[in-house]
Amino acid sequence: MSESLVVCEVDEDLVKKLRDFRFRKETNNAAIIIYSYKYQHDDGRVSYPLCFIFSSPVGCKPEQQMMYAGSKNKLVQTVELTKVFEIRNTEDLTEEWLREKLGFFR
């Protein structure tokens, strides 16, 4: 049962654009990232936690940081998110970092 269930097809051009966006090097802007991650637990279980990641890189304009911070709190409360993380250096945003953060919720 190693096949994935395909709910809909995604245009390859869109996939390329999303990859380019995901791995871009522009890092001076604040961003809110909501990410569903396939988390493999040590006991073999699989879960798909919805992770909320607030990125406020060093060098980001203070006005932008304040705007995003205010929006972040309201969004987290409204949607009742529980996996909420913050990051200052986008280079640190790796799968290892996310797994470490999610390990706290076991």
C-alpha atoms as a PDB file:
ATOM      1  CA  MET A   1       0.000   0.000   0.000  1.00  0.00           C
ATOM      2  CA  SER A   2       2.756   2.397  -0.960  1.00  0.00           C
ATOM      3  CA  GLU A   3       0.708   4.310  -3.523  1.00  0.00           C
ATOM      4  CA  SER A   4      -0.498   7.814  -2.720  1.00  0.00           C
ATOM      5  CA  LEU A   5      -4.108   8.810  -3.055  1.00  0.00           C
ATOM      6  CA  VAL A   6      -4.396  11.522  -5.707  1.00  0.00           C
ATOM      7  CA  VAL A   7      -7.348  13.792  -5.028  1.00  0.00           C
ATOM      8  CA  CYS A   8      -6.611  16.183  -7.875  1.00  0.00           C
ATOM      9  CA  GLU A   9      -3.903  16.817 -10.403  1.00  0.00           C
ATOM     10  CA  VAL A  10      -1.643  19.857  -9.963  1.00  0.00           C
ATOM     11  CA  ASP A  11      -0.304  21.583 -13.042  1.00  0.00           C
ATOM     12  CA  GLU A  12       3.491  21.147 -13.325  1.00  0.00           C
ATOM     13  CA  ASP A  13       3.929  24.878 -14.020  1.00  0.00           C
ATOM     14  CA  LEU A  14       2.257  25.656 -10.679  1.00  0.00           C
ATOM     15  CA  VAL A  15       4.449  23.080  -8.919  1.00  0.00           C
ATOM     16  CA  LYS A  16       7.553  24.774 -10.350  1.00  0.00           C
ATOM     17  CA  LYS A  17       6.347  28.224  -9.269  1.00  0.00           C
ATOM     18  CA  LEU A  18       5.642  26.981  -5.752  1.00  0.00           C
ATOM     19  CA  ARG A  19       9.074  25.358  -5.509  1.00  0.00           C
ATOM     20  CA  ASP A  20      10.750  28.546  -6.730  1.00  0.00           C
ATOM     21  CA  PHE A  21       8.769  30.539  -4.172  1.00  0.00           C
ATOM     22  CA  ARG A  22       9.547  28.082  -1.376  1.00  0.00           C
ATOM     23  CA  PHE A  23      13.288  28.087  -1.965  1.00  0.00           C
ATOM     24  CA  ARG A  24      13.765  31.765  -2.806  1.00  0.00           C
ATOM     25  CA  LYS A  25      16.565  33.570  -0.992  1.00  0.00           C
ATOM     26  CA  GLU A  26      14.684  36.797  -0.241  1.00  0.00           C
ATOM     27  CA  THR A  27      14.656  36.731   3.543  1.00  0.00           C
ATOM     28  CA  ASN A  28      14.038  40.286   4.787  1.00  0.00           C
ATOM     29  CA  ASN A  29      10.236  40.095   4.822  1.00  0.00           C
ATOM     30  CA  ALA A  30       8.025  38.846   7.621  1.00  0.00           C
ATOM     31  CA  ALA A  31       5.819  35.933   6.648  1.00  0.00           C
ATOM     32  CA  ILE A  32       3.132  33.684   8.032  1.00  0.00           C
ATOM     33  CA  ILE A  33       3.445  30.057   6.949  1.00  0.00           C
ATOM     34  CA  ILE A  34       0.736  27.462   7.535  1.00  0.00           C
ATOM     35  CA  TYR A  35       2.032  24.008   6.741  1.00  0.00           C
ATOM     36  CA  SER A  36       0.531  20.523   7.060  1.00  0.00           C
ATOM     37  CA  TYR A  37       3.418  18.165   7.742  1.00  0.00           C
ATOM     38  CA  LYS A  38       3.481  14.366   7.519  1.00  0.00           C
ATOM     39  CA  TYR A  39       4.927  13.450  10.927  1.00  0.00           C
ATOM     40  CA  GLN A  40       6.137   9.876  11.447  1.00  0.00           C
ATOM     41  CA  HIS A  41       6.074   9.071  15.176  1.00  0.00           C
ATOM     42  CA  ASP A  42       8.665   6.773  16.766  1.00  0.00           C
ATOM     43  CA  ASP A  43       5.972   4.138  17.367  1.00  0.00           C
ATOM     44  CA  GLY A  44       5.044   4.027  13.654  1.00  0.00           C
ATOM     45  CA  ARG A  45       1.947   6.205  13.797  1.00  0.00           C
ATOM     46  CA  VAL A  46       1.545   8.947  11.180  1.00  0.00           C
ATOM     47  CA  SER A  47      -0.111  12.279  11.858  1.00  0.00           C
ATOM     48  CA  TYR A  48      -0.538  15.457   9.836  1.00  0.00           C
ATOM     49  CA  PRO A  49      -0.199  18.382  12.242  1.00  0.00           C
ATOM     50  CA  LEU A  50      -1.123  21.829  10.992  1.00  0.00           C
ATOM     51  CA  CYS A  51       1.908  23.986  11.808  1.00  0.00           C
ATOM     52  CA  PHE A  52       1.762  27.753  12.048  1.00  0.00           C
ATOM     53  CA  ILE A  53       5.200  29.315  11.550  1.00  0.00           C
ATOM     54  CA  PHE A  54       5.768  33.042  11.953  1.00  0.00           C
ATOM     55  CA  SER A  55       8.955  34.204  10.252  1.00  0.00           C
ATOM     56  CA  SER A  56      10.323  37.591  11.262  1.00  0.00           C
ATOM     57  CA  PRO A  57      13.873  37.690   9.887  1.00  0.00           C
ATOM     58  CA  VAL A  58      16.612  39.921  11.230  1.00  0.00           C
ATOM     59  CA  GLY A  59      16.551  43.089   9.122  1.00  0.00           C
ATOM     60  CA  CYS A  60      12.786  43.055   8.657  1.00  0.00           C
ATOM     61  CA  LYS A  61      11.189  46.500   8.934  1.00  0.00           C
ATOM     62  CA  PRO A  62       9.787  47.120  12.452  1.00  0.00           C
ATOM     63  CA  GLU A  63       6.445  48.291  10.997  1.00  0.00           C
ATOM     64  CA  GLN A  64       6.090  45.021   9.118  1.00  0.00           C
ATOM     65  CA  GLN A  65       7.017  42.987  12.209  1.00  0.00           C
ATOM     66  CA  MET A  66       4.327  44.762  14.255  1.00  0.00           C
ATOM     67  CA  MET A  67       1.695  44.330  11.542  1.00  0.00           C
ATOM     68  CA  TYR A  68       2.386  40.596  11.210  1.00  0.00           C
ATOM     69  CA  ALA A  69       2.652  40.057  14.976  1.00  0.00           C
ATOM     70  CA  GLY A  70      -0.791  41.574  15.538  1.00  0.00           C
ATOM     71  CA  SER A  71      -2.287  39.524  12.718  1.00  0.00           C
ATOM     72  CA  LYS A  72      -0.548  36.392  13.987  1.00  0.00           C
ATOM     73  CA  ASN A  73      -2.149  36.518  17.417  1.00  0.00           C
ATOM     74  CA  LYS A  74      -5.655  37.064  16.043  1.00  0.00           C
ATOM     75  CA  LEU A  75      -5.278  34.272  13.467  1.00  0.00           C
ATOM     76  CA  VAL A  76      -3.922  31.788  16.036  1.00  0.00           C
ATOM     77  CA  GLN A  77      -6.846  32.526  18.389  1.00  0.00           C
ATOM     78  CA  THR A  78      -9.534  32.475  15.681  1.00  0.00           C
ATOM     79  CA  VAL A  79      -8.411  29.215  14.082  1.00  0.00           C
ATOM     80  CA  GLU A  80      -7.423  27.686  17.460  1.00  0.00           C
ATOM     81  CA  LEU A  81      -4.003  26.624  16.221  1.00  0.00           C
ATOM     82  CA  THR A  82      -1.856  24.671  18.699  1.00  0.00           C
ATOM     83  CA  LYS A  83       1.398  24.081  16.784  1.00  0.00           C
ATOM     84  CA  VAL A  84       2.678  27.667  16.722  1.00  0.00           C
ATOM     85  CA  PHE A  85       6.357  28.427  16.126  1.00  0.00           C
ATOM     86  CA  GLU A  86       8.482  31.488  15.444  1.00  0.00           C
ATOM     87  CA  ILE A  87      11.730  31.723  13.538  1.00  0.00           C
ATOM     88  CA  ARG A  88      14.139  34.628  13.028  1.00  0.00           C
ATOM     89  CA  ASN A  89      16.612  33.079  10.582  1.00  0.00           C
ATOM     90  CA  THR A  90      14.983  31.482   7.530  1.00  0.00           C
ATOM     91  CA  GLU A  91      18.072  29.333   6.966  1.00  0.00           C
ATOM     92  CA  ASP A  92      17.103  27.487  10.171  1.00  0.00           C
ATOM     93  CA  LEU A  93      13.714  26.502   8.730  1.00  0.00           C
ATOM     94  CA  THR A  94      14.501  22.879   7.947  1.00  0.00           C
ATOM     95  CA  GLU A  95      12.702  19.578   8.346  1.00  0.00           C
ATOM     96  CA  GLU A  96      15.008  18.758  11.281  1.00  0.00           C
ATOM     97  CA  TRP A  97      14.005  22.016  13.016  1.00  0.00           C
ATOM     98  CA  LEU A  98      10.303  21.284  12.474  1.00  0.00           C
ATOM     99  CA  ARG A  99      10.600  17.693  13.719  1.00  0.00           C
ATOM    100  CA  GLU A 100      12.396  18.949  16.838  1.00  0.00           C
ATOM    101  CA  LYS A 101       9.623  21.465  17.506  1.00  0.00           C
ATOM    102  CA  LEU A 102       6.880  18.881  16.908  1.00  0.00           C
ATOM    103  CA  GLY A 103       8.629  16.416  19.228  1.00  0.00           C
ATOM    104  CA  PHE A 104       7.503  18.600  22.128  1.00  0.00           C
ATOM    105  CA  PHE A 105       3.840  17.653  21.419  1.00  0.00           C
ATOM    106  CA  ARG A 106       4.216  13.864  21.658  1.00  0.00           C
END
